[in-house]
């Protein structure tokens, strides 16, 4: 039986909150503190016109959810869906330590950037996509695909996105928006 949208959203939010609070990758042993606090999870219809607007604002190469999904599952595979955005707030311990620094980032911030951002954020994206796939949804986390890259406008320097794993969930079983 397919769950109703509010129940499914609650289940996804609960899954990610549990993952962030219990996964050992979110704990910095040196600080005896998590890198991230309870996540903020939001949902959007994958066909929201806002995603087309990003092409104008960000650039024509910016992929819409449909384009991202079809790059992973094939042309014509998109039949609507949901974009799930998970924001991982940096822990108060790290924010407080970094706030006290006036000339450079704190050691706590460096640990976050090296281990939290590099490993845990990717792990959280993969967990969400795997969770949804396990429930019978087709899901993709674009940042973890072979085709995804981000290039800066000046000199072609790569940019790094941190703290916001996104997942596009689509298919015959998707979270319907009215």
Foldseek 3Di string as FASTA:
>chain_A
DFDAQVVVQVVLLVVLQCCCVPPPLQADPVLRGGQFHRKDKDKDKLPPCVQVVCCVVVHVVRDRLVRLLCVVVNPPQFDIAMKMKIFTHGDPVLVVQQVPDDPDGGPSVVCCVVRVFVPVLVVSLVVSCVVLVVVVWHKDFSVPDPPDFAFDPPPRDGDDDGRMTMMITGHPRHHDDD
